[in-house]
Amino acid sequence: MHLSSRPLSLQELSPGSYVVVVRLRRPLDFERRSSYAMRIRATDLSSGGEAPLSAETTQFVQVVDVQDQGPAFLNAPYSTTVQENTPEVHYH
């Protein structure tokens, strides 16, 4: 089964082996929310009137912060004074 238009789809890798694919509706933003918990339940298709079997797991997703905003200088303009004959200094 493959449901490509939905945010959650199930793909069969081989008989009895599946992978769940989660598609995002919009990019994740660390500043808005840094983690998610997804509860996933798998249920078999019952046959012969038996109750379906199921299993459940929780998957935690940590959003990694990337520097998506450039540096900014606040309260500009800046000024300073330097005395004459001050030795040259290099910062790395």
Protein backbone atom coordinates (compact mmCIF):
# COMPACT_ATOMS: atom_id res chain seq x y z
CA MET A 1 0.00 0.00 0.00
CA HIS A 2 1.32 3.48 -0.81
CA LEU A 3 -0.68 6.60 0.02
CA SER A 4 1.48 9.35 -1.47
CA SER A 5 -1.00 12.22 -1.01
CA ARG A 6 -1.33 11.74 2.76
CA PRO A 7 1.08 12.94 5.47
CA LEU A 8 1.47 9.36 6.75
CA SER A 9 1.93 6.39 4.44
CA LEU A 10 2.86 2.72 4.73
CA GLN A 11 5.20 1.09 2.23
CA GLU A 12 5.82 -2.65 2.04
CA LEU A 13 9.52 -3.42 1.68
CA SER A 14 9.02 -7.17 1.39
CA PRO A 15 6.27 -9.59 2.45
CA GLY A 16 5.54 -8.83 6.11
CA SER A 17 8.09 -5.97 6.31
CA TYR A 18 6.83 -2.39 6.21
CA VAL A 19 8.13 1.14 6.67
CA VAL A 20 6.09 4.17 7.75
CA VAL A 21 6.79 7.41 5.88
CA VAL A 22 5.93 10.73 7.53
CA ARG A 23 5.64 13.76 5.24
CA LEU A 24 5.78 17.23 6.73
CA ARG A 25 3.21 19.84 5.81
CA ARG A 26 5.72 22.60 6.57
CA PRO A 27 9.37 22.74 7.72
CA LEU A 28 10.07 22.11 11.39
CA ASP A 29 11.19 25.15 13.38
CA PHE A 30 13.38 24.59 16.46
CA GLU A 31 12.44 27.99 17.91
CA ARG A 32 8.73 27.08 17.84
CA ARG A 33 9.05 23.47 19.03
CA SER A 34 12.21 21.44 19.71
CA SER A 35 10.76 17.93 20.00
CA TYR A 36 7.80 15.75 19.12
CA ALA A 37 6.45 12.44 20.37
CA MET A 38 4.63 10.24 17.85
CA ARG A 39 2.57 7.28 18.98
CA ILE A 40 2.37 4.57 16.34
CA ARG A 41 0.02 1.62 16.46
CA ALA A 42 0.12 -1.35 14.08
CA THR A 43 -3.00 -3.50 13.83
CA ASP A 44 -3.37 -6.64 11.74
CA LEU A 45 -6.41 -7.35 9.64
CA SER A 46 -8.50 -9.88 11.53
CA SER A 47 -9.97 -12.81 9.72
CA GLY A 48 -12.42 -15.44 10.76
CA GLY A 49 -14.06 -13.32 13.44
CA GLU A 50 -10.96 -13.12 15.66
CA ALA A 51 -10.06 -9.90 17.39
CA PRO A 52 -7.23 -8.06 15.58
CA LEU A 53 -3.82 -8.05 17.22
CA SER A 54 -1.98 -4.78 17.68
CA ALA A 55 1.23 -3.30 19.03
CA GLU A 56 2.07 0.29 19.93
CA THR A 57 5.28 2.28 20.24
CA THR A 58 6.24 5.90 20.87
CA GLN A 59 8.90 7.53 18.69
CA PHE A 60 10.57 10.71 19.84
CA VAL A 61 11.79 13.26 17.28
CA GLN A 62 14.37 15.88 18.31
CA VAL A 63 14.53 18.93 16.04
CA VAL A 64 18.11 20.11 15.49
CA ASP A 65 18.64 23.86 15.57
CA VAL A 66 20.34 25.32 12.53
CA GLN A 67 21.49 28.91 12.30
CA ASP A 68 18.78 30.17 9.97
CA GLN A 69 19.16 33.84 10.83
CA GLY A 70 22.16 35.97 10.08
CA PRO A 71 24.00 37.85 12.83
CA ALA A 72 22.67 41.27 13.71
CA PHE A 73 24.24 44.23 15.46
CA LEU A 74 21.85 45.91 17.85
CA ASN A 75 21.96 49.54 18.99
CA ALA A 76 24.14 50.66 16.07
CA PRO A 77 26.03 52.87 15.34
CA TYR A 78 28.99 52.04 17.56
CA SER A 79 31.98 54.21 18.39
CA THR A 80 35.17 53.77 20.35
CA THR A 81 38.44 55.57 20.94
CA VAL A 82 41.96 54.21 20.54
CA GLN A 83 45.06 55.97 21.80
CA GLU A 84 47.79 56.70 19.30
CA ASN A 85 50.70 54.23 19.22
CA THR A 86 48.46 51.40 20.47
CA PRO A 87 50.03 48.08 19.38
CA GLU A 88 48.22 46.07 16.73
CA VAL A 89 46.21 43.14 18.07
CA HIS A 90 44.81 40.20 16.04
CA TYR A 91 41.81 38.15 17.16
CA HIS A 92 40.89 34.84 15.61
